[in-house]
mmCIF file of all heavy atoms, coordinates in Angstrom:
data_MODEL
# 
_entry.id   MODEL 
# 
loop_
_atom_site.group_PDB 
_atom_site.id 
_atom_site.type_symbol 
_atom_site.label_atom_id 
_atom_site.label_alt_id 
_atom_site.label_comp_id 
_atom_site.label_asym_id 
_atom_site.label_entity_id 
_atom_site.label_seq_id 
_atom_site.pdbx_PDB_ins_code 
_atom_site.Cartn_x 
_atom_site.Cartn_y 
_atom_site.Cartn_z 
_atom_site.occupancy 
_atom_site.B_iso_or_equiv 
_atom_site.pdbx_formal_charge 
_atom_site.auth_seq_id 
_atom_site.auth_comp_id 
_atom_site.auth_asym_id 
_atom_site.auth_atom_id 
_atom_site.pdbx_PDB_model_num 
ATOM 1   N N   . TRP A 1 1  ? -27.812 -56.470 -80.260  1.00 0.00 ? 1  TRP A N   1 
ATOM 2   C CA  . TRP A 1 1  ? -28.948 -56.132 -81.092  1.00 0.00 ? 1  TRP A CA  1 
ATOM 3   C C   . TRP A 1 1  ? -28.492 -55.279 -82.265  1.00 0.00 ? 1  TRP A C   1 
ATOM 4   O O   . TRP A 1 1  ? -27.726 -54.326 -82.087  1.00 0.00 ? 1  TRP A O   1 
ATOM 5   C CB  . TRP A 1 1  ? -30.017 -55.365 -80.302  1.00 0.00 ? 1  TRP A CB  1 
ATOM 6   C CG  . TRP A 1 1  ? -30.705 -56.187 -79.262  1.00 0.00 ? 1  TRP A CG  1 
ATOM 7   C CD1 . TRP A 1 1  ? -30.341 -56.352 -77.955  1.00 0.00 ? 1  TRP A CD1 1 
ATOM 8   C CD2 . TRP A 1 1  ? -31.898 -56.963 -79.441  1.00 0.00 ? 1  TRP A CD2 1 
ATOM 9   N NE1 . TRP A 1 1  ? -31.220 -57.174 -77.306  1.00 0.00 ? 1  TRP A NE1 1 
ATOM 10  C CE2 . TRP A 1 1  ? -32.185 -57.570 -78.199  1.00 0.00 ? 1  TRP A CE2 1 
ATOM 11  C CE3 . TRP A 1 1  ? -32.740 -57.202 -80.520  1.00 0.00 ? 1  TRP A CE3 1 
ATOM 12  C CZ2 . TRP A 1 1  ? -33.288 -58.395 -78.008  1.00 0.00 ? 1  TRP A CZ2 1 
ATOM 13  C CZ3 . TRP A 1 1  ? -33.839 -58.027 -80.336  1.00 0.00 ? 1  TRP A CZ3 1 
ATOM 14  C CH2 . TRP A 1 1  ? -34.107 -58.610 -79.099  1.00 0.00 ? 1  TRP A CH2 1 
ATOM 15  N N   . TYR A 1 2  ? -28.939 -55.644 -83.450  1.00 0.00 ? 2  TYR A N   1 
ATOM 16  C CA  . TYR A 1 2  ? -28.761 -54.864 -84.659  1.00 0.00 ? 2  TYR A CA  1 
ATOM 17  C C   . TYR A 1 2  ? -30.132 -54.413 -85.149  1.00 0.00 ? 2  TYR A C   1 
ATOM 18  O O   . TYR A 1 2  ? -31.160 -54.976 -84.778  1.00 0.00 ? 2  TYR A O   1 
ATOM 19  C CB  . TYR A 1 2  ? -28.082 -55.681 -85.755  1.00 0.00 ? 2  TYR A CB  1 
ATOM 20  C CG  . TYR A 1 2  ? -26.599 -55.915 -85.566  1.00 0.00 ? 2  TYR A CG  1 
ATOM 21  C CD1 . TYR A 1 2  ? -26.129 -56.832 -84.636  1.00 0.00 ? 2  TYR A CD1 1 
ATOM 22  C CD2 . TYR A 1 2  ? -25.661 -55.230 -86.337  1.00 0.00 ? 2  TYR A CD2 1 
ATOM 23  C CE1 . TYR A 1 2  ? -24.772 -57.058 -84.467  1.00 0.00 ? 2  TYR A CE1 1 
ATOM 24  C CE2 . TYR A 1 2  ? -24.305 -55.456 -86.177  1.00 0.00 ? 2  TYR A CE2 1 
ATOM 25  C CZ  . TYR A 1 2  ? -23.870 -56.369 -85.243  1.00 0.00 ? 2  TYR A CZ  1 
ATOM 26  O OH  . TYR A 1 2  ? -22.518 -56.584 -85.093  1.00 0.00 ? 2  TYR A OH  1 
ATOM 27  N N   . ARG A 1 3  ? -30.140 -53.405 -86.009  1.00 0.00 ? 3  ARG A N   1 
ATOM 28  C CA  . ARG A 1 3  ? -31.380 -52.996 -86.646  1.00 0.00 ? 3  ARG A CA  1 
ATOM 29  C C   . ARG A 1 3  ? -31.115 -52.627 -88.094  1.00 0.00 ? 3  ARG A C   1 
ATOM 30  O O   . ARG A 1 3  ? -30.005 -52.236 -88.460  1.00 0.00 ? 3  ARG A O   1 
ATOM 31  C CB  . ARG A 1 3  ? -32.040 -51.824 -85.908  1.00 0.00 ? 3  ARG A CB  1 
ATOM 32  C CG  . ARG A 1 3  ? -31.274 -50.510 -85.957  1.00 0.00 ? 3  ARG A CG  1 
ATOM 33  C CD  . ARG A 1 3  ? -31.958 -49.469 -85.081  1.00 0.00 ? 3  ARG A CD  1 
ATOM 34  N NE  . ARG A 1 3  ? -31.277 -48.180 -85.115  1.00 0.00 ? 3  ARG A NE  1 
ATOM 35  C CZ  . ARG A 1 3  ? -31.602 -47.147 -84.349  1.00 0.00 ? 3  ARG A CZ  1 
ATOM 36  N NH1 . ARG A 1 3  ? -32.602 -47.251 -83.471  1.00 0.00 ? 3  ARG A NH1 1 
ATOM 37  N NH2 . ARG A 1 3  ? -30.926 -46.005 -84.457  1.00 0.00 ? 3  ARG A NH2 1 
ATOM 38  N N   . GLN A 1 4  ? -32.156 -52.751 -88.909  1.00 0.00 ? 4  GLN A N   1 
ATOM 39  C CA  . GLN A 1 4  ? -32.043 -52.441 -90.321  1.00 0.00 ? 4  GLN A CA  1 
ATOM 40  C C   . GLN A 1 4  ? -33.355 -51.842 -90.813  1.00 0.00 ? 4  GLN A C   1 
ATOM 41  O O   . GLN A 1 4  ? -34.404 -52.472 -90.722  1.00 0.00 ? 4  GLN A O   1 
ATOM 42  C CB  . GLN A 1 4  ? -31.705 -53.686 -91.135  1.00 0.00 ? 4  GLN A CB  1 
ATOM 43  C CG  . GLN A 1 4  ? -31.431 -53.404 -92.600  1.00 0.00 ? 4  GLN A CG  1 
ATOM 44  C CD  . GLN A 1 4  ? -30.830 -54.596 -93.317  1.00 0.00 ? 4  GLN A CD  1 
ATOM 45  O OE1 . GLN A 1 4  ? -30.905 -55.730 -92.843  1.00 0.00 ? 4  GLN A OE1 1 
ATOM 46  N NE2 . GLN A 1 4  ? -30.217 -54.340 -94.457  1.00 0.00 ? 4  GLN A NE2 1 
ATOM 47  N N   . ALA A 1 5  ? -33.274 -50.624 -91.320  1.00 0.00 ? 5  ALA A N   1 
ATOM 48  C CA  . ALA A 1 5  ? -34.401 -49.970 -91.951  1.00 0.00 ? 5  ALA A CA  1 
ATOM 49  C C   . ALA A 1 5  ? -34.409 -50.308 -93.440  1.00 0.00 ? 5  ALA A C   1 
ATOM 50  O O   . ALA A 1 5  ? -33.374 -50.693 -93.998  1.00 0.00 ? 5  ALA A O   1 
ATOM 51  C CB  . ALA A 1 5  ? -34.330 -48.457 -91.750  1.00 0.00 ? 5  ALA A CB  1 
ATOM 52  N N   . PRO A 1 6  ? -35.574 -50.182 -94.110  1.00 0.00 ? 6  PRO A N   1 
ATOM 53  C CA  . PRO A 1 6  ? -35.626 -50.491 -95.540  1.00 0.00 ? 6  PRO A CA  1 
ATOM 54  C C   . PRO A 1 6  ? -34.596 -49.699 -96.328  1.00 0.00 ? 6  PRO A C   1 
ATOM 55  O O   . PRO A 1 6  ? -34.425 -48.495 -96.137  1.00 0.00 ? 6  PRO A O   1 
ATOM 56  C CB  . PRO A 1 6  ? -37.054 -50.093 -95.932  1.00 0.00 ? 6  PRO A CB  1 
ATOM 57  C CG  . PRO A 1 6  ? -37.838 -50.245 -94.670  1.00 0.00 ? 6  PRO A CG  1 
ATOM 58  C CD  . PRO A 1 6  ? -36.896 -49.827 -93.575  1.00 0.00 ? 6  PRO A CD  1 
ATOM 59  N N   . GLU A 1 7  ? -33.891 -50.377 -97.197  1.00 0.00 ? 7  GLU A N   1 
ATOM 60  C CA  . GLU A 1 7  ? -32.874 -49.794 -98.075  1.00 0.00 ? 7  GLU A CA  1 
ATOM 61  C C   . GLU A 1 7  ? -31.672 -49.255 -97.304  1.00 0.00 ? 7  GLU A C   1 
ATOM 62  O O   . GLU A 1 7  ? -30.850 -48.509 -97.862  1.00 0.00 ? 7  GLU A O   1 
ATOM 63  C CB  . GLU A 1 7  ? -33.475 -48.690 -98.952  1.00 0.00 ? 7  GLU A CB  1 
ATOM 64  C CG  . GLU A 1 7  ? -34.710 -49.114 -99.727  1.00 0.00 ? 7  GLU A CG  1 
ATOM 65  C CD  . GLU A 1 7  ? -34.434 -50.254 -100.688 1.00 0.00 ? 7  GLU A CD  1 
ATOM 66  O OE1 . GLU A 1 7  ? -33.311 -50.304 -101.248 1.00 0.00 ? 7  GLU A OE1 1 
ATOM 67  O OE2 . GLU A 1 7  ? -35.318 -51.096 -100.887 1.00 0.00 ? 7  GLU A OE2 1 
ATOM 68  N N   . LYS A 1 8  ? -31.545 -49.630 -96.039  1.00 0.00 ? 8  LYS A N   1 
ATOM 69  C CA  . LYS A 1 8  ? -30.418 -49.203 -95.226  1.00 0.00 ? 8  LYS A CA  1 
ATOM 70  C C   . LYS A 1 8  ? -29.588 -50.406 -94.797  1.00 0.00 ? 8  LYS A C   1 
ATOM 71  O O   . LYS A 1 8  ? -30.053 -51.542 -94.804  1.00 0.00 ? 8  LYS A O   1 
ATOM 72  C CB  . LYS A 1 8  ? -30.895 -48.442 -93.993  1.00 0.00 ? 8  LYS A CB  1 
ATOM 73  C CG  . LYS A 1 8  ? -31.737 -47.211 -94.286  1.00 0.00 ? 8  LYS A CG  1 
ATOM 74  C CD  . LYS A 1 8  ? -30.931 -46.129 -94.971  1.00 0.00 ? 8  LYS A CD  1 
ATOM 75  C CE  . LYS A 1 8  ? -31.769 -44.880 -95.168  1.00 0.00 ? 8  LYS A CE  1 
ATOM 76  N NZ  . LYS A 1 8  ? -31.010 -43.797 -95.837  1.00 0.00 ? 8  LYS A NZ  1 
ATOM 77  N N   . GLY A 1 9  ? -28.347 -50.142 -94.411  1.00 0.00 ? 9  GLY A N   1 
ATOM 78  C CA  . GLY A 1 9  ? -27.495 -51.190 -93.913  1.00 0.00 ? 9  GLY A CA  1 
ATOM 79  C C   . GLY A 1 9  ? -27.846 -51.587 -92.488  1.00 0.00 ? 9  GLY A C   1 
ATOM 80  O O   . GLY A 1 9  ? -28.559 -50.878 -91.781  1.00 0.00 ? 9  GLY A O   1 
ATOM 81  N N   . ARG A 1 10 ? -27.339 -52.729 -92.079  1.00 0.00 ? 10 ARG A N   1 
ATOM 82  C CA  . ARG A 1 10 ? -27.586 -53.203 -90.724  1.00 0.00 ? 10 ARG A CA  1 
ATOM 83  C C   . ARG A 1 10 ? -26.669 -52.472 -89.745  1.00 0.00 ? 10 ARG A C   1 
ATOM 84  O O   . ARG A 1 10 ? -25.450 -52.420 -89.939  1.00 0.00 ? 10 ARG A O   1 
ATOM 85  C CB  . ARG A 1 10 ? -27.376 -54.711 -90.651  1.00 0.00 ? 10 ARG A CB  1 
ATOM 86  C CG  . ARG A 1 10 ? -27.789 -55.328 -89.324  1.00 0.00 ? 10 ARG A CG  1 
ATOM 87  C CD  . ARG A 1 10 ? -27.843 -56.851 -89.402  1.00 0.00 ? 10 ARG A CD  1 
ATOM 88  N NE  . ARG A 1 10 ? -28.899 -57.302 -90.306  1.00 0.00 ? 10 ARG A NE  1 
ATOM 89  C CZ  . ARG A 1 10 ? -29.246 -58.576 -90.467  1.00 0.00 ? 10 ARG A CZ  1 
ATOM 90  N NH1 . ARG A 1 10 ? -28.620 -59.524 -89.783  1.00 0.00 ? 10 ARG A NH1 1 
ATOM 91  N NH2 . ARG A 1 10 ? -30.206 -58.898 -91.317  1.00 0.00 ? 10 ARG A NH2 1 
ATOM 92  N N   . GLU A 1 11 ? -27.250 -51.933 -88.682  1.00 0.00 ? 11 GLU A N   1 
ATOM 93  C CA  . GLU A 1 11 ? -26.554 -51.094 -87.718  1.00 0.00 ? 11 GLU A CA  1 
ATOM 94  C C   . GLU A 1 11 ? -26.501 -51.776 -86.360  1.00 0.00 ? 11 GLU A C   1 
ATOM 95  O O   . GLU A 1 11 ? -27.518 -52.249 -85.857  1.00 0.00 ? 11 GLU A O   1 
ATOM 96  C CB  . GLU A 1 11 ? -27.261 -49.738 -87.594  1.00 0.00 ? 11 GLU A CB  1 
ATOM 97  C CG  . GLU A 1 11 ? -26.723 -48.845 -86.484  1.00 0.00 ? 11 GLU A CG  1 
ATOM 98  C CD  . GLU A 1 11 ? -27.618 -47.659 -86.186  1.00 0.00 ? 11 GLU A CD  1 
ATOM 99  O OE1 . GLU A 1 11 ? -28.794 -47.671 -86.608  1.00 0.00 ? 11 GLU A OE1 1 
ATOM 100 O OE2 . GLU A 1 11 ? -27.144 -46.703 -85.525  1.00 0.00 ? 11 GLU A OE2 1 
ATOM 101 N N   . LEU A 1 12 ? -25.327 -51.803 -85.754  1.00 0.00 ? 12 LEU A N   1 
ATOM 102 C CA  . LEU A 1 12 ? -25.192 -52.299 -84.387  1.00 0.00 ? 12 LEU A CA  1 
ATOM 103 C C   . LEU A 1 12 ? -25.801 -51.288 -83.426  1.00 0.00 ? 12 LEU A C   1 
ATOM 104 O O   . LEU A 1 12 ? -25.417 -50.118 -83.420  1.00 0.00 ? 12 LEU A O   1 
ATOM 105 C CB  . LEU A 1 12 ? -23.727 -52.551 -84.042  1.00 0.00 ? 12 LEU A CB  1 
ATOM 106 C CG  . LEU A 1 12 ? -23.437 -52.983 -82.599  1.00 0.00 ? 12 LEU A CG  1 
ATOM 107 C CD1 . LEU A 1 12 ? -24.086 -54.335 -82.299  1.00 0.00 ? 12 LEU A CD1 1 
ATOM 108 C CD2 . LEU A 1 12 ? -21.940 -53.047 -82.336  1.00 0.00 ? 12 LEU A CD2 1 
ATOM 109 N N   . VAL A 1 13 ? -26.733 -51.743 -82.594  1.00 0.00 ? 13 VAL A N   1 
ATOM 110 C CA  . VAL A 1 13 ? -27.443 -50.883 -81.663  1.00 0.00 ? 13 VAL A CA  1 
ATOM 111 C C   . VAL A 1 13 ? -26.853 -50.974 -80.262  1.00 0.00 ? 13 VAL A C   1 
ATOM 112 O O   . VAL A 1 13 ? -26.585 -49.953 -79.619  1.00 0.00 ? 13 VAL A O   1 
ATOM 113 C CB  . VAL A 1 13 ? -28.943 -51.224 -81.627  1.00 0.00 ? 13 VAL A CB  1 
ATOM 114 C CG1 . VAL A 1 13 ? -29.670 -50.375 -80.581  1.00 0.00 ? 13 VAL A CG1 1 
ATOM 115 C CG2 . VAL A 1 13 ? -29.567 -51.026 -83.000  1.00 0.00 ? 13 VAL A CG2 1 
ATOM 116 N N   . ALA A 1 14 ? -26.668 -52.191 -79.764  1.00 0.00 ? 14 ALA A N   1 
ATOM 117 C CA  . ALA A 1 14 ? -26.183 -52.396 -78.405  1.00 0.00 ? 14 ALA A CA  1 
ATOM 118 C C   . ALA A 1 14 ? -25.584 -53.782 -78.289  1.00 0.00 ? 14 ALA A C   1 
ATOM 119 O O   . ALA A 1 14 ? -25.954 -54.698 -79.027  1.00 0.00 ? 14 ALA A O   1 
ATOM 120 C CB  . ALA A 1 14 ? -27.312 -52.226 -77.383  1.00 0.00 ? 14 ALA A CB  1 
ATOM 121 N N   . GLU A 1 15 ? -24.661 -53.937 -77.355  1.00 0.00 ? 15 GLU A N   1 
ATOM 122 C CA  . GLU A 1 15 ? -24.078 -55.242 -77.094  1.00 0.00 ? 15 GLU A CA  1 
ATOM 123 C C   . GLU A 1 15 ? -23.736 -55.364 -75.618  1.00 0.00 ? 15 GLU A C   1 
ATOM 124 O O   . GLU A 1 15 ? -23.505 -54.366 -74.937  1.00 0.00 ? 15 GLU A O   1 
ATOM 125 C CB  . GLU A 1 15 ? -22.839 -55.491 -77.954  1.00 0.00 ? 15 GLU A CB  1 
ATOM 126 C CG  . GLU A 1 15 ? -21.675 -54.552 -77.671  1.00 0.00 ? 15 GLU A CG  1 
ATOM 127 C CD  . GLU A 1 15 ? -20.456 -54.850 -78.529  1.00 0.00 ? 15 GLU A CD  1 
ATOM 128 O OE1 . GLU A 1 15 ? -20.580 -55.620 -79.495  1.00 0.00 ? 15 GLU A OE1 1 
ATOM 129 O OE2 . GLU A 1 15 ? -19.368 -54.301 -78.231  1.00 0.00 ? 15 GLU A OE2 1 
ATOM 130 N N   . ILE A 1 16 ? -23.695 -56.602 -75.142  1.00 0.00 ? 16 ILE A N   1 
ATOM 131 C CA  . ILE A 1 16 ? -23.321 -56.894 -73.767  1.00 0.00 ? 16 ILE A CA  1 
ATOM 132 C C   . ILE A 1 16 ? -22.388 -58.089 -73.787  1.00 0.00 ? 16 ILE A C   1 
ATOM 133 O O   . ILE A 1 16 ? -22.655 -59.095 -74.441  1.00 0.00 ? 16 ILE A O   1 
ATOM 134 C CB  . ILE A 1 16 ? -24.564 -57.145 -72.879  1.00 0.00 ? 16 ILE A CB  1 
ATOM 135 C CG1 . ILE A 1 16 ? -24.150 -57.390 -71.429  1.00 0.00 ? 16 ILE A CG1 1 
ATOM 136 C CG2 . ILE A 1 16 ? -25.411 -58.289 -73.415  1.00 0.00 ? 16 ILE A CG2 1 
ATOM 137 C CD1 . ILE A 1 16 ? -25.329 -57.376 -70.459  1.00 0.00 ? 16 ILE A CD1 1 
ATOM 138 N N   . THR A 1 17 ? -21.269 -57.989 -73.082  1.00 0.00 ? 17 THR A N   1 
ATOM 139 C CA  . THR A 1 17 ? -20.276 -59.051 -73.071  1.00 0.00 ? 17 THR A CA  1 
ATOM 140 C C   . THR A 1 17 ? -20.625 -60.099 -72.030  1.00 0.00 ? 17 THR A C   1 
ATOM 141 O O   . THR A 1 17 ? -21.536 -59.932 -71.217  1.00 0.00 ? 17 THR A O   1 
ATOM 142 C CB  . THR A 1 17 ? -18.879 -58.497 -72.784  1.00 0.00 ? 17 THR A CB  1 
ATOM 143 O OG1 . THR A 1 17 ? -18.822 -58.037 -71.426  1.00 0.00 ? 17 THR A OG1 1 
ATOM 144 C CG2 . THR A 1 17 ? -18.549 -57.336 -73.710  1.00 0.00 ? 17 THR A CG2 1 
ATOM 145 N N   . SER A 1 18 ? -19.874 -61.197 -72.053  1.00 0.00 ? 18 SER A N   1 
ATOM 146 C CA  . SER A 1 18 ? -20.084 -62.253 -71.069  1.00 0.00 ? 18 SER A CA  1 
ATOM 147 C C   . SER A 1 18 ? -19.830 -61.765 -69.651  1.00 0.00 ? 18 SER A C   1 
ATOM 148 O O   . SER A 1 18 ? -20.385 -62.317 -68.700  1.00 0.00 ? 18 SER A O   1 
ATOM 149 C CB  . SER A 1 18 ? -19.188 -63.453 -71.380  1.00 0.00 ? 18 SER A CB  1 
ATOM 150 O OG  . SER A 1 18 ? -17.813 -63.082 -71.351  1.00 0.00 ? 18 SER A OG  1 
ATOM 151 N N   . GLY A 1 19 ? -18.993 -60.741 -69.502  1.00 0.00 ? 19 GLY A N   1 
ATOM 152 C CA  . GLY A 1 19 ? -18.723 -60.170 -68.198  1.00 0.00 ? 19 GLY A CA  1 
ATOM 153 C C   . GLY A 1 19 ? -19.732 -59.133 -67.751  1.00 0.00 ? 19 GLY A C   1 
ATOM 154 O O   . GLY A 1 19 ? -19.653 -58.655 -66.614  1.00 0.00 ? 19 GLY A O   1 
ATOM 155 N N   . GLY A 1 20 ? -20.665 -58.765 -68.628  1.00 0.00 ? 20 GLY A N   1 
ATOM 156 C CA  . GLY A 1 20 ? -21.713 -57.841 -68.262  1.00 0.00 ? 20 GLY A CA  1 
ATOM 157 C C   . GLY A 1 20 ? -21.491 -56.398 -68.677  1.00 0.00 ? 20 GLY A C   1 
ATOM 158 O O   . GLY A 1 20 ? -22.354 -55.557 -68.426  1.00 0.00 ? 20 GLY A O   1 
ATOM 159 N N   . SER A 1 21 ? -20.370 -56.099 -69.307  1.00 0.00 ? 21 SER A N   1 
ATOM 160 C CA  . SER A 1 21 ? -20.150 -54.736 -69.765  1.00 0.00 ? 21 SER A CA  1 
ATOM 161 C C   . SER A 1 21 ? -20.989 -54.457 -71.005  1.00 0.00 ? 21 SER A C   1 
ATOM 162 O O   . SER A 1 21 ? -21.259 -55.356 -71.805  1.00 0.00 ? 21 SER A O   1 
ATOM 163 C CB  . SER A 1 21 ? -18.670 -54.489 -70.050  1.00 0.00 ? 21 SER A CB  1 
ATOM 164 O OG  . SER A 1 21 ? -18.204 -55.345 -71.082  1.00 0.00 ? 21 SER A OG  1 
ATOM 165 N N   . THR A 1 22 ? -21.407 -53.216 -71.166  1.00 0.00 ? 22 THR A N   1 
ATOM 166 C CA  . THR A 1 22 ? -22.304 -52.841 -72.251  1.00 0.00 ? 22 THR A CA  1 
ATOM 167 C C   . THR A 1 22 ? -21.750 -51.666 -73.034  1.00 0.00 ? 22 THR A C   1 
ATOM 168 O O   . THR A 1 22 ? -20.934 -50.883 -72.541  1.00 0.00 ? 22 THR A O   1 
ATOM 169 C CB  . THR A 1 22 ? -23.694 -52.472 -71.713  1.00 0.00 ? 22 THR A CB  1 
ATOM 170 O OG1 . THR A 1 22 ? -23.581 -51.363 -70.807  1.00 0.00 ? 22 THR A OG1 1 
ATOM 171 C CG2 . THR A 1 22 ? -24.320 -53.648 -70.976  1.00 0.00 ? 22 THR A CG2 1 
ATOM 172 N N   . ARG A 1 23 ? -22.221 -51.545 -74.273  1.00 0.00 ? 23 ARG A N   1 
ATOM 173 C CA  . ARG A 1 23 ? -21.927 -50.393 -75.092  1.00 0.00 ? 23 ARG A CA  1 
ATOM 174 C C   . ARG A 1 23 ? -23.092 -50.173 -76.049  1.00 0.00 ? 23 ARG A C   1 
ATOM 175 O O   . ARG A 1 23 ? -23.826 -51.110 -76.371  1.00 0.00 ? 23 ARG A O   1 
ATOM 176 C CB  . ARG A 1 23 ? -20.611 -50.542 -75.853  1.00 0.00 ? 23 ARG A CB  1 
ATOM 177 C CG  . ARG A 1 23 ? -20.582 -51.685 -76.849  1.00 0.00 ? 23 ARG A CG  1 
ATOM 178 C CD  . ARG A 1 23 ? -19.182 -51.851 -77.434  1.00 0.00 ? 23 ARG A CD  1 
ATOM 179 N NE  . ARG A 1 23 ? -18.755 -50.674 -78.175  1.00 0.00 ? 23 ARG A NE  1 
ATOM 180 C CZ  . ARG A 1 23 ? -18.943 -50.485 -79.480  1.00 0.00 ? 23 ARG A CZ  1 
ATOM 181 N NH1 . ARG A 1 23 ? -19.572 -51.402 -80.202  1.00 0.00 ? 23 ARG A NH1 1 
ATOM 182 N NH2 . ARG A 1 23 ? -18.498 -49.382 -80.062  1.00 0.00 ? 23 ARG A NH2 1 
ATOM 183 N N   . TYR A 1 24 ? -23.236 -48.922 -76.505  1.00 0.00 ? 24 TYR A N   1 
ATOM 184 C CA  . TYR A 1 24 ? -24.367 -48.538 -77.326  1.00 0.00 ? 24 TYR A CA  1 
ATOM 185 C C   . TYR A 1 24 ? -23.922 -47.651 -78.474  1.00 0.00 ? 24 TYR A C   1 
ATOM 186 O O   . TYR A 1 24 ? -22.901 -46.960 -78.385  1.00 0.00 ? 24 TYR A O   1 
ATOM 187 C CB  . TYR A 1 24 ? -25.409 -47.789 -76.499  1.00 0.00 ? 24 TYR A CB  1 
ATOM 188 C CG  . TYR A 1 24 ? -25.922 -48.564 -75.310  1.00 0.00 ? 24 TYR A CG  1 
ATOM 189 C CD1 . TYR A 1 24 ? -25.280 -48.498 -74.078  1.00 0.00 ? 24 TYR A CD1 1 
ATOM 190 C CD2 . TYR A 1 24 ? -27.046 -49.376 -75.423  1.00 0.00 ? 24 TYR A CD2 1 
ATOM 191 C CE1 . TYR A 1 24 ? -25.745 -49.218 -72.986  1.00 0.00 ? 24 TYR A CE1 1 
ATOM 192 C CE2 . TYR A 1 24 ? -27.513 -50.098 -74.337  1.00 0.00 ? 24 TYR A CE2 1 
ATOM 193 C CZ  . TYR A 1 24 ? -26.862 -50.014 -73.126  1.00 0.00 ? 24 TYR A CZ  1 
ATOM 194 O OH  . TYR A 1 24 ? -27.325 -50.732 -72.045  1.00 0.00 ? 24 TYR A OH  1 
ATOM 195 N N   . SER A 1 25 ? -24.687 -47.656 -79.536  1.00 0.00 ? 25 SER A N   1 
ATOM 196 C CA  . SER A 1 25 ? -24.451 -46.704 -80.598  1.00 0.00 ? 25 SER A CA  1 
ATOM 197 C C   . SER A 1 25 ? -24.794 -45.305 -80.099  1.00 0.00 ? 25 SER A C   1 
ATOM 198 O O   . SER A 1 25 ? -25.614 -45.130 -79.191  1.00 0.00 ? 25 SER A O   1 
ATOM 199 C CB  . SER A 1 25 ? -25.284 -47.045 -81.833  1.00 0.00 ? 25 SER A CB  1 
ATOM 200 O OG  . SER A 1 25 ? -26.660 -46.836 -81.595  1.00 0.00 ? 25 SER A OG  1 
# 
């Protein structure tokens, strides 16, 4: 998941790999 506020760049919020591991901003 990414997010973008008006006039801001797109930010990586969270990701999950095929193996199920996760990471967050």
